[in-house]
């Protein structure tokens, strides 16, 4: 659990720095105390769903982006992309690879 708290905190800090904010600015925007945000960013405390939502809203990211660095910033806020991801998520690995091939073919430069 401690590792998840540190990872979450690191991603909050990374998103905060991406937008060029101080801890104080994010704390104010998310309606949190400066101390609470500092403890979140170092992984010293857990957070509630309500706090996750406040942070995501303030940082203008989907809450899932505070748990993984593998998503391009703002990707989950693009509704059409979210729809496609949800459709693909339940497929078998071979079906996902097949769809990946179709996407690769569709994105190849036209000659």
Protein backbone atom coordinates (compact mmCIF):
# COMPACT_ATOMS: atom_id res chain seq x y z
CA UNK A 1 0.00 0.00 0.00
CA UNK A 2 2.84 2.39 0.80
CA UNK A 3 4.20 1.94 -2.73
CA UNK A 4 0.81 2.88 -4.21
CA UNK A 5 0.69 6.00 -2.02
CA UNK A 6 4.18 7.03 -3.17
CA UNK A 7 3.34 6.35 -6.82
CA UNK A 8 0.09 8.32 -6.56
CA UNK A 9 1.90 11.19 -4.85
CA UNK A 10 4.66 11.22 -7.45
CA UNK A 11 2.13 11.41 -10.27
CA UNK A 12 0.22 14.22 -8.54
CA UNK A 13 3.52 16.12 -8.22
CA UNK A 14 4.41 15.41 -11.86
CA UNK A 15 1.06 16.71 -13.10
CA UNK A 16 1.37 19.75 -10.82
CA UNK A 17 4.83 20.54 -12.22
CA UNK A 18 3.57 19.96 -15.79
CA UNK A 19 1.10 22.83 -15.34
CA UNK A 20 3.76 24.96 -13.62
CA UNK A 21 2.03 25.21 -10.26
CA UNK A 22 3.43 25.36 -6.76
CA UNK A 23 2.08 23.05 -4.09
CA UNK A 24 0.23 26.03 -2.62
CA UNK A 25 -1.50 26.80 -5.95
CA UNK A 26 -2.67 23.18 -6.39
CA UNK A 27 -3.76 22.96 -2.75
CA UNK A 28 -5.83 26.13 -3.12
CA UNK A 29 -7.34 25.05 -6.44
CA UNK A 30 -8.20 21.59 -5.10
CA UNK A 31 -9.46 23.00 -1.77
CA UNK A 32 -6.86 21.14 0.28
CA UNK A 33 -4.45 22.36 2.92
CA UNK A 34 -0.82 22.92 1.93
CA UNK A 35 0.21 20.31 4.51
CA UNK A 36 -2.22 17.71 3.17
CA UNK A 37 -0.95 18.16 -0.40
CA UNK A 38 2.68 17.92 0.75
CA UNK A 39 1.90 14.65 2.58
CA UNK A 40 0.07 13.30 -0.49
CA UNK A 41 2.98 14.09 -2.81
CA UNK A 42 5.52 12.22 -0.65
CA UNK A 43 3.18 9.28 -0.15
CA UNK A 44 2.81 9.84 3.58
CA UNK A 45 -0.99 9.64 3.53
CA UNK A 46 -3.77 7.95 1.64
CA UNK A 47 -6.56 9.87 -0.01
CA UNK A 48 -10.31 9.48 -0.37
CA UNK A 49 -12.16 9.25 -3.66
CA UNK A 50 -13.38 12.80 -3.04
CA UNK A 51 -9.79 14.05 -2.75
CA UNK A 52 -8.74 12.15 -5.89
CA UNK A 53 -11.61 13.82 -7.72
CA UNK A 54 -10.64 17.28 -6.42
CA UNK A 55 -7.03 16.81 -7.52
CA UNK A 56 -7.98 15.47 -10.94
CA UNK A 57 -10.42 18.30 -11.50
CA UNK A 58 -7.87 20.92 -10.44
CA UNK A 59 -5.21 19.38 -12.69
CA UNK A 60 -7.71 18.87 -15.53
CA UNK A 61 -6.93 15.17 -15.93
CA UNK A 62 -8.99 12.02 -15.68
CA UNK A 63 -8.59 10.53 -12.17
CA UNK A 64 -7.01 7.39 -13.71
CA UNK A 65 -4.10 9.54 -14.89
CA UNK A 66 -3.11 9.98 -11.25
CA UNK A 67 -2.39 6.25 -11.03
CA UNK A 68 -0.38 5.58 -14.19
CA UNK A 69 2.25 7.43 -16.14
CA UNK A 70 1.58 5.29 -19.20
CA UNK A 71 -1.24 7.51 -20.47
CA UNK A 72 -0.66 10.67 -22.45
CA UNK A 73 -1.83 13.65 -20.44
CA UNK A 74 -5.50 14.32 -21.01
CA UNK A 75 -5.99 11.15 -23.04
CA UNK A 76 -8.84 9.86 -20.93
CA UNK A 77 -10.68 13.15 -21.13
CA UNK A 78 -11.17 12.62 -24.86
CA UNK A 79 -14.52 10.83 -24.86
CA UNK A 80 -14.17 9.03 -28.22
CA UNK A 81 -10.86 7.51 -27.10
CA UNK A 82 -12.40 6.39 -23.82
CA UNK A 83 -15.26 4.74 -25.72
CA UNK A 84 -12.83 2.78 -27.90
CA UNK A 85 -10.67 1.73 -24.96
CA UNK A 86 -13.71 0.46 -23.06
CA UNK A 87 -14.85 -1.55 -26.08
CA UNK A 88 -11.42 -3.13 -26.53
CA UNK A 89 -10.73 -3.75 -22.83
CA UNK A 90 -12.89 -6.86 -22.64
CA UNK A 91 -11.43 -8.58 -25.70
CA UNK A 92 -9.00 -11.50 -25.77
CA UNK A 93 -5.30 -10.79 -26.41
CA UNK A 94 -5.40 -12.15 -29.97
CA UNK A 95 -8.41 -9.94 -30.78
CA UNK A 96 -6.59 -6.89 -29.40
CA UNK A 97 -3.52 -7.71 -31.53
CA UNK A 98 -5.77 -8.03 -34.60
CA UNK A 99 -7.33 -4.63 -33.91
CA UNK A 100 -3.84 -3.20 -33.36
CA UNK A 101 -2.91 -4.39 -36.85
CA UNK A 102 -5.94 -2.64 -38.29
CA UNK A 103 -5.02 0.58 -36.49
CA UNK A 104 -1.41 0.32 -37.71
CA UNK A 105 -2.63 -0.15 -41.30
CA UNK A 106 -5.04 2.77 -41.02
CA UNK A 107 -2.31 5.07 -39.68
CA UNK A 108 0.31 4.21 -42.31
CA UNK A 109 1.17 7.18 -44.52
CA UNK A 110 -0.69 7.11 -47.82
CA UNK A 111 1.52 6.94 -50.93
